Amino acid sequence: MDNLWIFPPLWIPEPPLPAPEEEKSPSFHTFFHIVKKQIYLIHKGVDKSEKVCYNCGMQSPDVGRIEDLLQERAEKFEIFSRLLMEYNKKFNLTAITAPEEVKVKHFFDSLAGEAYLPAGARVAEVGSGAGFPSIPLMIAREDLSFTLIESTGKKCNFLRIVQEELGLRAEIVCGRAEEVAREQAYREAFDVAVARAVAKLNTLAEYCLPLVKKGGAMIAYKTDGGELAGARRAISLLGGGNARTAPYELPQGMGARALVLIDKVKPTPQAYPRGHGKERSAPLA
């Protein structure tokens, strides 16, 4: 054991760490394709970095803006309210007669679509009835011009009285929407078509979309967006697309509502609207 040699541990040097690579700037060719792709994504409405689809939905209506418009135009809304109550006794225009309910359920609700109307838009209203949403929208927005389509004579007479009293930019057409939409002067002539409390969405689309020019839109006032799923095929067939909803709440707990907005992406086939009441009796599935 005296002759046993104890050797120190064998030391093996560690290999040197690789030198850090210099950060390379993208070539012009790579940079060009990155920018080109970003422009494409923005054009499609998608910011990939945030994973947000800007065109998939609408923001809810601005409650503060609606209340401001009601306040700013209070005098004209008061005149309209007076006319509505006066002629309601003769024409049975609305079951809503309490002043606060008229303000919220008719005036406020009608103005929910105001922010979605382009400046100077030419707008068609299908099934005008007592003038909702068209008359509140015209009171709030003097830049808009409306064509009001109503098939009941006494309601047309009321609309003319309101138009004259308030000095509104409106044409009243006393006729059926499915017939008016086949006239050259009105077919695909409007920037926007609006309708409130008229029919189910698939029927309503057949009334409204033939009136809207390509690049325009249709706005339907609904209790909710529940009808949209069953109407998508009809909307596509009629030249519509990119349908989405904007839900909102009426003040004072008076109920939930929703706007359904549909873009006009291609011309409506000449076969539509079908007429002879088929829009209601045999709605497009």
C-alpha atoms as a PDB file:
ATOM      1  CA  MET A   1       0.000   0.000   0.000  1.00  0.00           C
ATOM      2  CA  ASP A   2       3.015   2.279   0.554  1.00  0.00           C
ATOM      3  CA  ASN A   3       3.663   2.234  -3.184  1.00  0.00           C
ATOM      4  CA  LEU A   4       0.051   3.319  -4.118  1.00  0.00           C
ATOM      5  CA  TRP A   5      -0.023   6.530  -6.018  1.00  0.00           C
ATOM      6  CA  ILE A   6      -3.026   8.788  -5.697  1.00  0.00           C
ATOM      7  CA  PHE A   7      -3.571  10.869  -8.814  1.00  0.00           C
ATOM      8  CA  PRO A   8      -5.534  14.117  -8.750  1.00  0.00           C
ATOM      9  CA  PRO A   9      -8.844  14.112 -10.641  1.00  0.00           C
ATOM     10  CA  LEU A  10      -8.411  14.383 -14.351  1.00  0.00           C
ATOM     11  CA  TRP A  11      -9.360  17.903 -15.460  1.00  0.00           C
ATOM     12  CA  ILE A  12     -10.905  18.215 -18.890  1.00  0.00           C
ATOM     13  CA  PRO A  13     -11.363  21.781 -20.092  1.00  0.00           C
ATOM     14  CA  GLU A  14     -14.911  22.743 -21.100  1.00  0.00           C
ATOM     15  CA  PRO A  15     -15.344  23.684 -24.742  1.00  0.00           C
ATOM     16  CA  PRO A  16     -15.642  27.438 -25.283  1.00  0.00           C
ATOM     17  CA  LEU A  17     -19.143  28.834 -25.569  1.00  0.00           C
ATOM     18  CA  PRO A  18     -20.096  29.707 -29.126  1.00  0.00           C
ATOM     19  CA  ALA A  19     -19.866  33.383 -29.911  1.00  0.00           C
ATOM     20  CA  PRO A  20     -23.318  34.999 -29.961  1.00  0.00           C
ATOM     21  CA  GLU A  21     -24.658  35.427 -33.437  1.00  0.00           C
ATOM     22  CA  GLU A  22     -25.113  38.932 -34.598  1.00  0.00           C
ATOM     23  CA  GLU A  23     -28.780  39.919 -34.758  1.00  0.00           C
ATOM     24  CA  LYS A  24     -29.630  40.070 -38.389  1.00  0.00           C
ATOM     25  CA  SER A  25     -31.960  42.649 -39.766  1.00  0.00           C
ATOM     26  CA  PRO A  26     -34.540  41.268 -42.159  1.00  0.00           C
ATOM     27  CA  SER A  27     -33.677  41.664 -45.776  1.00  0.00           C
ATOM     28  CA  PHE A  28     -35.704  44.087 -47.849  1.00  0.00           C
ATOM     29  CA  HIS A  29     -37.383  41.113 -49.545  1.00  0.00           C
ATOM     30  CA  THR A  30     -38.471  39.635 -46.177  1.00  0.00           C
ATOM     31  CA  PHE A  31     -39.549  43.015 -44.848  1.00  0.00           C
ATOM     32  CA  PHE A  32     -41.662  43.634 -47.952  1.00  0.00           C
ATOM     33  CA  HIS A  33     -43.549  40.360 -47.480  1.00  0.00           C
ATOM     34  CA  ILE A  34     -44.140  41.053 -43.762  1.00  0.00           C
ATOM     35  CA  VAL A  35     -45.631  44.446 -44.558  1.00  0.00           C
ATOM     36  CA  LYS A  36     -47.650  43.033 -47.444  1.00  0.00           C
ATOM     37  CA  LYS A  37     -49.153  40.375 -45.166  1.00  0.00           C
ATOM     38  CA  GLN A  38     -49.996  42.937 -42.461  1.00  0.00           C
ATOM     39  CA  ILE A  39     -51.765  45.103 -45.035  1.00  0.00           C
ATOM     40  CA  TYR A  40     -53.739  42.052 -46.186  1.00  0.00           C
ATOM     41  CA  LEU A  41     -54.740  41.202 -42.606  1.00  0.00           C
ATOM     42  CA  ILE A  42     -55.812  44.768 -41.897  1.00  0.00           C
ATOM     43  CA  HIS A  43     -57.812  44.820 -45.135  1.00  0.00           C
ATOM     44  CA  LYS A  44     -59.555  41.621 -44.044  1.00  0.00           C
ATOM     45  CA  GLY A  45     -60.327  43.194 -40.689  1.00  0.00           C
ATOM     46  CA  VAL A  46     -57.915  41.085 -38.632  1.00  0.00           C
ATOM     47  CA  ASP A  47     -54.980  42.252 -36.571  1.00  0.00           C
ATOM     48  CA  LYS A  48     -53.112  38.972 -36.074  1.00  0.00           C
ATOM     49  CA  SER A  49     -50.985  40.300 -33.235  1.00  0.00           C
ATOM     50  CA  GLU A  50     -54.104  41.079 -31.187  1.00  0.00           C
ATOM     51  CA  LYS A  51     -56.304  38.318 -32.672  1.00  0.00           C
ATOM     52  CA  VAL A  52     -59.180  40.724 -33.023  1.00  0.00           C
ATOM     53  CA  CYS A  53     -61.661  40.573 -35.890  1.00  0.00           C
ATOM     54  CA  TYR A  54     -62.793  44.159 -36.265  1.00  0.00           C
ATOM     55  CA  ASN A  55     -65.593  43.305 -38.691  1.00  0.00           C
ATOM     56  CA  CYS A  56     -67.129  40.363 -36.841  1.00  0.00           C
ATOM     57  CA  GLY A  57     -69.373  42.437 -34.577  1.00  0.00           C
ATOM     58  CA  MET A  58     -70.682  45.885 -33.858  1.00  0.00           C
ATOM     59  CA  GLN A  59     -70.232  47.959 -30.757  1.00  0.00           C
ATOM     60  CA  SER A  60     -73.411  48.578 -28.836  1.00  0.00           C
ATOM     61  CA  PRO A  61     -75.124  51.932 -29.448  1.00  0.00           C
ATOM     62  CA  ASP A  62     -73.766  54.902 -27.477  1.00  0.00           C
ATOM     63  CA  VAL A  63     -76.403  55.588 -24.800  1.00  0.00           C
ATOM     64  CA  GLY A  64     -74.886  58.958 -23.913  1.00  0.00           C
ATOM     65  CA  ARG A  65     -75.027  60.129 -27.528  1.00  0.00           C
ATOM     66  CA  ILE A  66     -78.669  59.077 -27.848  1.00  0.00           C
ATOM     67  CA  GLU A  67     -79.618  60.988 -24.683  1.00  0.00           C
ATOM     68  CA  ASP A  68     -77.762  64.062 -25.962  1.00  0.00           C
ATOM     69  CA  LEU A  69     -79.648  63.945 -29.271  1.00  0.00           C
ATOM     70  CA  LEU A  70     -82.976  63.679 -27.464  1.00  0.00           C
ATOM     71  CA  GLN A  71     -82.056  66.699 -25.373  1.00  0.00           C
ATOM     72  CA  GLU A  72     -80.720  68.770 -28.275  1.00  0.00           C
ATOM     73  CA  ARG A  73     -83.825  68.147 -30.407  1.00  0.00           C
ATOM     74  CA  ALA A  74     -86.314  68.183 -27.535  1.00  0.00           C
ATOM     75  CA  GLU A  75     -88.611  70.764 -29.149  1.00  0.00           C
ATOM     76  CA  LYS A  76     -89.124  68.728 -32.330  1.00  0.00           C
ATOM     77  CA  PHE A  77     -89.535  65.497 -30.389  1.00  0.00           C
ATOM     78  CA  GLU A  78     -92.218  67.223 -28.318  1.00  0.00           C
ATOM     79  CA  ILE A  79     -94.077  68.252 -31.491  1.00  0.00           C
ATOM     80  CA  PHE A  80     -93.824  64.732 -32.875  1.00  0.00           C
ATOM     81  CA  SER A  81     -95.078  63.286 -29.593  1.00  0.00           C
ATOM     82  CA  ARG A  82     -98.061  65.641 -29.639  1.00  0.00           C
ATOM     83  CA  LEU A  83     -98.951  64.717 -33.227  1.00  0.00           C
ATOM     84  CA  LEU A  84     -98.552  61.031 -32.444  1.00  0.00           C
ATOM     85  CA  MET A  85    -101.006  61.208 -29.541  1.00  0.00           C
ATOM     86  CA  GLU A  86    -103.458  63.416 -31.448  1.00  0.00           C
ATOM     87  CA  TYR A  87    -103.669  61.209 -34.524  1.00  0.00           C
ATOM     88  CA  ASN A  88    -103.395  57.956 -32.607  1.00  0.00           C
ATOM     89  CA  LYS A  89    -107.035  58.441 -31.614  1.00  0.00           C
ATOM     90  CA  LYS A  90    -108.025  58.440 -35.296  1.00  0.00           C
ATOM     91  CA  PHE A  91    -105.525  56.069 -36.876  1.00  0.00           C
ATOM     92  CA  ASN A  92    -104.585  53.635 -34.074  1.00  0.00           C
ATOM     93  CA  LEU A  93    -100.868  54.193 -34.646  1.00  0.00           C
ATOM     94  CA  THR A  94     -99.374  52.814 -31.426  1.00  0.00           C
ATOM     95  CA  ALA A  95    -100.337  51.015 -28.224  1.00  0.00           C
ATOM     96  CA  ILE A  96     -97.596  52.905 -26.362  1.00  0.00           C
ATOM     97  CA  THR A  97     -99.032  56.183 -25.096  1.00  0.00           C
ATOM     98  CA  ALA A  98     -97.450  56.960 -21.677  1.00  0.00           C
ATOM     99  CA  PRO A  99     -95.068  59.914 -22.282  1.00  0.00           C
ATOM    100  CA  GLU A 100     -91.999  58.263 -20.732  1.00  0.00           C
ATOM    101  CA  GLU A 101     -92.605  55.021 -22.599  1.00  0.00           C
ATOM    102  CA  VAL A 102     -92.980  56.925 -25.868  1.00  0.00           C
ATOM    103  CA  LYS A 103     -89.649  58.632 -25.190  1.00  0.00           C
ATOM    104  CA  VAL A 104     -87.810  55.400 -24.375  1.00  0.00           C
ATOM    105  CA  LYS A 105     -89.541  52.664 -26.382  1.00  0.00           C
ATOM    106  CA  HIS A 106     -90.082  54.764 -29.510  1.00  0.00           C
ATOM    107  CA  PHE A 107     -87.673  57.715 -29.604  1.00  0.00           C
ATOM    108  CA  PHE A 108     -84.649  56.299 -27.773  1.00  0.00           C
ATOM    109  CA  ASP A 109     -84.990  52.911 -29.465  1.00  0.00           C
ATOM    110  CA  SER A 110     -85.235  54.494 -32.920  1.00  0.00           C
ATOM    111  CA  LEU A 111     -82.048  56.499 -32.346  1.00  0.00           C
ATOM    112  CA  ALA A 112     -80.067  53.360 -31.487  1.00  0.00           C
ATOM    113  CA  GLY A 113     -79.272  52.962 -35.191  1.00  0.00           C
ATOM    114  CA  GLU A 114     -78.257  56.591 -35.768  1.00  0.00           C
ATOM    115  CA  ALA A 115     -74.509  56.066 -35.411  1.00  0.00           C
ATOM    116  CA  TYR A 116     -74.514  53.419 -38.160  1.00  0.00           C
ATOM    117  CA  LEU A 117     -75.898  55.733 -40.854  1.00  0.00           C
ATOM    118  CA  PRO A 118     -73.243  57.365 -43.072  1.00  0.00           C
ATOM    119  CA  ALA A 119     -73.230  61.127 -43.493  1.00  0.00           C
ATOM    120  CA  GLY A 120     -75.671  62.254 -46.175  1.00  0.00           C
ATOM    121  CA  ALA A 121     -77.070  58.752 -46.605  1.00  0.00           C
ATOM    122  CA  ARG A 122     -80.131  58.061 -48.708  1.00  0.00           C
ATOM    123  CA  VAL A 123     -82.244  55.748 -46.552  1.00  0.00           C
ATOM    124  CA  ALA A 124     -85.300  53.593 -47.289  1.00  0.00           C
ATOM    125  CA  GLU A 125     -87.639  52.569 -44.499  1.00  0.00           C
ATOM    126  CA  VAL A 126     -89.785  49.479 -45.000  1.00  0.00           C
ATOM    127  CA  GLY A 127     -93.114  49.350 -43.191  1.00  0.00           C
ATOM    128  CA  SER A 128     -92.933  52.873 -41.749  1.00  0.00           C
ATOM    129  CA  GLY A 129     -96.140  52.687 -39.710  1.00  0.00           C
ATOM    130  CA  ALA A 130     -96.100  55.675 -37.356  1.00  0.00           C
ATOM    131  CA  GLY A 131     -92.579  56.629 -38.457  1.00  0.00           C
ATOM    132  CA  PHE A 132     -90.239  54.543 -36.327  1.00  0.00           C
ATOM    133  CA  PRO A 133     -87.283  54.645 -36.632  1.00  0.00           C
ATOM    134  CA  SER A 134     -87.324  57.099 -39.559  1.00  0.00           C
ATOM    135  CA  ILE A 135     -88.818  60.234 -38.000  1.00  0.00           C
ATOM    136  CA  PRO A 136     -86.598  60.278 -34.864  1.00  0.00           C
ATOM    137  CA  LEU A 137     -83.597  59.644 -37.121  1.00  0.00           C
ATOM    138  CA  MET A 138     -84.533  62.553 -39.387  1.00  0.00           C
ATOM    139  CA  ILE A 139     -85.113  64.822 -36.385  1.00  0.00           C
ATOM    140  CA  ALA A 140     -81.645  63.954 -35.073  1.00  0.00           C
ATOM    141  CA  ARG A 141     -79.841  63.957 -38.431  1.00  0.00           C
ATOM    142  CA  GLU A 142     -80.787  66.678 -40.910  1.00  0.00           C
ATOM    143  CA  ASP A 143     -78.198  65.378 -43.383  1.00  0.00           C
ATOM    144  CA  LEU A 144     -80.213  62.206 -44.025  1.00  0.00           C
ATOM    145  CA  SER A 145     -82.895  61.844 -46.696  1.00  0.00           C
ATOM    146  CA  PHE A 146     -85.551  59.162 -46.323  1.00  0.00           C
ATOM    147  CA  THR A 147     -88.024  57.317 -48.504  1.00  0.00           C
ATOM    148  CA  LEU A 148     -90.786  55.958 -46.277  1.00  0.00           C
ATOM    149  CA  ILE A 149     -92.569  52.910 -47.692  1.00  0.00           C
ATOM    150  CA  GLU A 150     -95.953  52.182 -46.100  1.00  0.00           C
ATOM    151  CA  SER A 151     -98.890  50.251 -47.519  1.00  0.00           C
ATOM    152  CA  THR A 152    -101.681  51.607 -45.277  1.00  0.00           C
ATOM    153  CA  GLY A 153    -103.268  54.823 -46.557  1.00  0.00           C
ATOM    154  CA  LYS A 154    -104.143  56.396 -43.189  1.00  0.00           C
ATOM    155  CA  LYS A 155    -100.601  55.874 -41.937  1.00  0.00           C
ATOM    156  CA  CYS A 156     -99.247  57.489 -45.100  1.00  0.00           C
ATOM    157  CA  ASN A 157    -101.486  60.470 -44.394  1.00  0.00           C
ATOM    158  CA  PHE A 158    -100.102  60.737 -40.860  1.00  0.00           C
ATOM    159  CA  LEU A 159     -96.521  60.579 -42.131  1.00  0.00           C
ATOM    160  CA  ARG A 160     -97.215  63.421 -44.566  1.00  0.00           C
ATOM    161  CA  ILE A 161     -98.654  65.546 -41.742  1.00  0.00           C
ATOM    162  CA  VAL A 162     -95.539  64.984 -39.616  1.00  0.00           C
ATOM    163  CA  GLN A 163     -93.250  65.636 -42.567  1.00  0.00           C
ATOM    164  CA  GLU A 164     -94.916  68.992 -43.261  1.00  0.00           C
ATOM    165  CA  GLU A 165     -95.088  70.003 -39.597  1.00  0.00           C
ATOM    166  CA  LEU A 166     -91.427  69.236 -38.903  1.00  0.00           C
ATOM    167  CA  GLY A 167     -90.001  70.130 -42.326  1.00  0.00           C
ATOM    168  CA  LEU A 168     -88.387  66.722 -42.852  1.00  0.00           C
ATOM    169  CA  ARG A 169     -86.469  65.579 -45.939  1.00  0.00           C
ATOM    170  CA  ALA A 170     -88.704  62.655 -46.775  1.00  0.00           C
ATOM    171  CA  GLU A 171     -90.605  61.054 -49.611  1.00  0.00           C
ATOM    172  CA  ILE A 172     -93.653  59.019 -48.590  1.00  0.00           C
ATOM    173  CA  VAL A 173     -94.427  56.127 -50.907  1.00  0.00           C
ATOM    174  CA  CYS A 174     -97.789  54.512 -50.246  1.00  0.00           C
ATOM    175  CA  GLY A 175     -97.238  50.982 -51.519  1.00  0.00           C
ATOM    176  CA  ARG A 176     -96.038  47.484 -50.717  1.00  0.00           C
ATOM    177  CA  ALA A 177     -92.294  47.059 -50.246  1.00  0.00           C
ATOM    178  CA  GLU A 178     -92.112  44.003 -52.505  1.00  0.00           C
ATOM    179  CA  GLU A 179     -93.642  46.021 -55.357  1.00  0.00           C
ATOM    180  CA  VAL A 180     -91.675  49.215 -54.725  1.00  0.00           C
ATOM    181  CA  ALA A 181     -88.407  47.230 -54.766  1.00  0.00           C
ATOM    182  CA  ARG A 182     -89.114  46.202 -58.379  1.00  0.00           C
ATOM    183  CA  GLU A 183     -89.444  49.794 -59.592  1.00  0.00           C
ATOM    184  CA  GLN A 184     -86.340  51.098 -61.348  1.00  0.00           C
ATOM    185  CA  ALA A 185     -86.328  54.332 -59.329  1.00  0.00           C
ATOM    186  CA  TYR A 186     -85.978  52.435 -56.046  1.00  0.00           C
ATOM    187  CA  ARG A 187     -84.286  49.113 -56.784  1.00  0.00           C
ATOM    188  CA  GLU A 188     -80.749  49.060 -55.364  1.00  0.00           C
ATOM    189  CA  ALA A 189     -80.899  52.859 -55.061  1.00  0.00           C
ATOM    190  CA  PHE A 190     -80.335  53.348 -51.320  1.00  0.00           C
ATOM    191  CA  ASP A 191     -77.293  53.487 -49.064  1.00  0.00           C
ATOM    192  CA  VAL A 192     -79.236  51.936 -46.174  1.00  0.00           C
ATOM    193  CA  ALA A 193     -82.604  50.271 -45.608  1.00  0.00           C
ATOM    194  CA  VAL A 194     -84.090  50.205 -42.103  1.00  0.00           C
ATOM    195  CA  ALA A 195     -87.089  48.446 -40.606  1.00  0.00           C
ATOM    196  CA  ARG A 196     -88.547  48.027 -37.133  1.00  0.00           C
ATOM    197  CA  ALA A 197     -91.260  45.629 -35.946  1.00  0.00           C
ATOM    198  CA  VAL A 198     -92.199  44.514 -39.476  1.00  0.00           C
ATOM    199  CA  ALA A 199     -91.458  40.812 -39.995  1.00  0.00           C
ATOM    200  CA  LYS A 200     -89.055  37.982 -39.210  1.00  0.00           C
ATOM    201  CA  LEU A 201     -85.528  38.546 -40.414  1.00  0.00           C
ATOM    202  CA  ASN A 202     -85.595  36.232 -43.460  1.00  0.00           C
ATOM    203  CA  THR A 203     -88.806  37.892 -44.704  1.00  0.00           C
ATOM    204  CA  LEU A 204     -87.473  41.333 -43.849  1.00  0.00           C
ATOM    205  CA  ALA A 205     -84.268  40.701 -45.791  1.00  0.00           C
ATOM    206  CA  GLU A 206     -86.321  39.958 -48.906  1.00  0.00           C
ATOM    207  CA  TYR A 207     -88.123  43.280 -48.494  1.00  0.00           C
ATOM    208  CA  CYS A 208     -85.047  45.377 -47.688  1.00  0.00           C
ATOM    209  CA  LEU A 209     -81.967  44.051 -49.490  1.00  0.00           C
ATOM    210  CA  PRO A 210     -83.337  44.572 -53.037  1.00  0.00           C
ATOM    211  CA  LEU A 211     -83.596  48.285 -52.190  1.00  0.00           C
ATOM    212  CA  VAL A 212     -79.951  48.600 -51.092  1.00  0.00           C
ATOM    213  CA  LYS A 213     -77.085  49.291 -53.470  1.00  0.00           C
ATOM    214  CA  LYS A 214     -73.936  47.165 -53.379  1.00  0.00           C
ATOM    215  CA  GLY A 215     -71.698  48.520 -50.634  1.00  0.00           C
ATOM    216  CA  GLY A 216     -74.694  49.686 -48.585  1.00  0.00           C
ATOM    217  CA  ALA A 217     -76.343  48.034 -45.596  1.00  0.00           C
ATOM    218  CA  MET A 218     -79.602  46.964 -44.014  1.00  0.00           C
ATOM    219  CA  ILE A 219     -80.414  47.646 -40.353  1.00  0.00           C
ATOM    220  CA  ALA A 220     -83.152  45.646 -38.656  1.00  0.00           C
ATOM    221  CA  TYR A 221     -84.394  46.631 -35.213  1.00  0.00           C
ATOM    222  CA  LYS A 222     -85.068  43.479 -33.191  1.00  0.00           C
ATOM    223  CA  THR A 223     -85.686  42.335 -29.632  1.00  0.00           C
ATOM    224  CA  ASP A 224     -82.536  40.188 -29.899  1.00  0.00           C
ATOM    225  CA  GLY A 225     -80.331  38.538 -32.495  1.00  0.00           C
ATOM    226  CA  GLY A 226     -82.008  35.144 -32.238  1.00  0.00           C
ATOM    227  CA  GLU A 227     -83.437  35.203 -35.771  1.00  0.00           C
ATOM    228  CA  LEU A 228     -80.059  35.659 -37.431  1.00  0.00           C
ATOM    229  CA  ALA A 229     -78.956  32.010 -37.452  1.00  0.00           C
ATOM    230  CA  GLY A 230     -82.057  30.895 -39.341  1.00  0.00           C
ATOM    231  CA  ALA A 231     -81.839  33.748 -41.841  1.00  0.00           C
ATOM    232  CA  ARG A 232     -78.218  33.492 -42.989  1.00  0.00           C
ATOM    233  CA  ARG A 233     -78.961  31.444 -46.104  1.00  0.00           C
ATOM    234  CA  ALA A 234     -81.710  33.844 -47.194  1.00  0.00           C
ATOM    235  CA  ILE A 235     -79.425  36.822 -46.540  1.00  0.00           C
ATOM    236  CA  SER A 236     -76.692  35.322 -48.721  1.00  0.00           C
ATOM    237  CA  LEU A 237     -79.132  34.440 -51.492  1.00  0.00           C
ATOM    238  CA  LEU A 238     -80.412  38.032 -51.547  1.00  0.00           C
ATOM    239  CA  GLY A 239     -76.924  39.556 -51.849  1.00  0.00           C
ATOM    240  CA  GLY A 240     -76.245  40.194 -48.173  1.00  0.00           C
ATOM    241  CA  GLY A 241     -73.273  39.229 -46.037  1.00  0.00           C
ATOM    242  CA  ASN A 242     -71.261  39.965 -42.897  1.00  0.00           C
ATOM    243  CA  ALA A 243     -74.406  39.911 -40.738  1.00  0.00           C
ATOM    244  CA  ARG A 244     -73.873  40.786 -37.082  1.00  0.00           C
ATOM    245  CA  THR A 245     -75.761  42.108 -34.076  1.00  0.00           C
ATOM    246  CA  ALA A 246     -75.400  45.020 -31.650  1.00  0.00           C
ATOM    247  CA  PRO A 247     -77.322  44.358 -28.419  1.00  0.00           C
ATOM    248  CA  TYR A 248     -78.343  47.150 -26.074  1.00  0.00           C
ATOM    249  CA  GLU A 249     -80.610  47.887 -23.111  1.00  0.00           C
ATOM    250  CA  LEU A 250     -83.343  50.491 -23.060  1.00  0.00           C
ATOM    251  CA  PRO A 251     -83.181  52.890 -20.097  1.00  0.00           C
ATOM    252  CA  GLN A 252     -85.285  52.431 -16.966  1.00  0.00           C
ATOM    253  CA  GLY A 253     -85.328  48.661 -17.396  1.00  0.00           C
ATOM    254  CA  MET A 254     -87.710  48.851 -20.359  1.00  0.00           C
ATOM    255  CA  GLY A 255     -86.201  45.875 -22.119  1.00  0.00           C
ATOM    256  CA  ALA A 256     -83.384  44.439 -24.174  1.00  0.00           C
ATOM    257  CA  ARG A 257     -83.039  45.188 -27.882  1.00  0.00           C
ATOM    258  CA  ALA A 258     -80.621  44.467 -30.721  1.00  0.00           C
ATOM    259  CA  LEU A 259     -79.730  45.891 -34.095  1.00  0.00           C
ATOM    260  CA  VAL A 260     -78.995  43.419 -36.878  1.00  0.00           C
ATOM    261  CA  LEU A 261     -76.755  44.934 -39.554  1.00  0.00           C
ATOM    262  CA  ILE A 262     -76.276  43.240 -42.921  1.00  0.00           C
ATOM    263  CA  ASP A 263     -73.894  44.471 -45.610  1.00  0.00           C
ATOM    264  CA  LYS A 264     -74.952  44.405 -49.262  1.00  0.00           C
ATOM    265  CA  VAL A 265     -72.060  42.537 -50.877  1.00  0.00           C
ATOM    266  CA  LYS A 266     -73.516  41.678 -54.293  1.00  0.00           C
ATOM    267  CA  PRO A 267     -76.579  42.538 -56.394  1.00  0.00           C
ATOM    268  CA  THR A 268     -79.896  40.910 -55.512  1.00  0.00           C
ATOM    269  CA  PRO A 269     -81.055  38.403 -58.175  1.00  0.00           C
ATOM    270  CA  GLN A 270     -83.920  39.747 -60.277  1.00  0.00           C
ATOM    271  CA  ALA A 271     -86.249  37.006 -58.991  1.00  0.00           C
ATOM    272  CA  TYR A 272     -86.452  38.758 -55.603  1.00  0.00           C
ATOM    273  CA  PRO A 273     -88.583  39.950 -53.975  1.00  0.00           C
ATOM    274  CA  ARG A 274     -90.987  37.284 -55.223  1.00  0.00           C
ATOM    275  CA  GLY A 275     -94.181  39.232 -54.518  1.00  0.00           C
ATOM    276  CA  HIS A 276     -97.766  37.963 -54.119  1.00  0.00           C
ATOM    277  CA  GLY A 277     -97.189  37.654 -50.363  1.00  0.00           C
ATOM    278  CA  LYS A 278     -94.654  34.838 -50.728  1.00  0.00           C
ATOM    279  CA  GLU A 279     -92.151  36.711 -48.569  1.00  0.00           C
ATOM    280  CA  ARG A 280     -94.417  36.001 -45.575  1.00  0.00           C
ATOM    281  CA  SER A 281     -96.329  32.883 -46.629  1.00  0.00           C
ATOM    282  CA  ALA A 282     -93.248  30.977 -47.837  1.00  0.00           C
ATOM    283  CA  PRO A 283     -90.200  32.736 -46.344  1.00  0.00           C
ATOM    284  CA  LEU A 284     -86.767  31.811 -47.668  1.00  0.00           C
ATOM    285  CA  ALA A 285     -85.191  29.132 -45.474  1.00  0.00           C
END
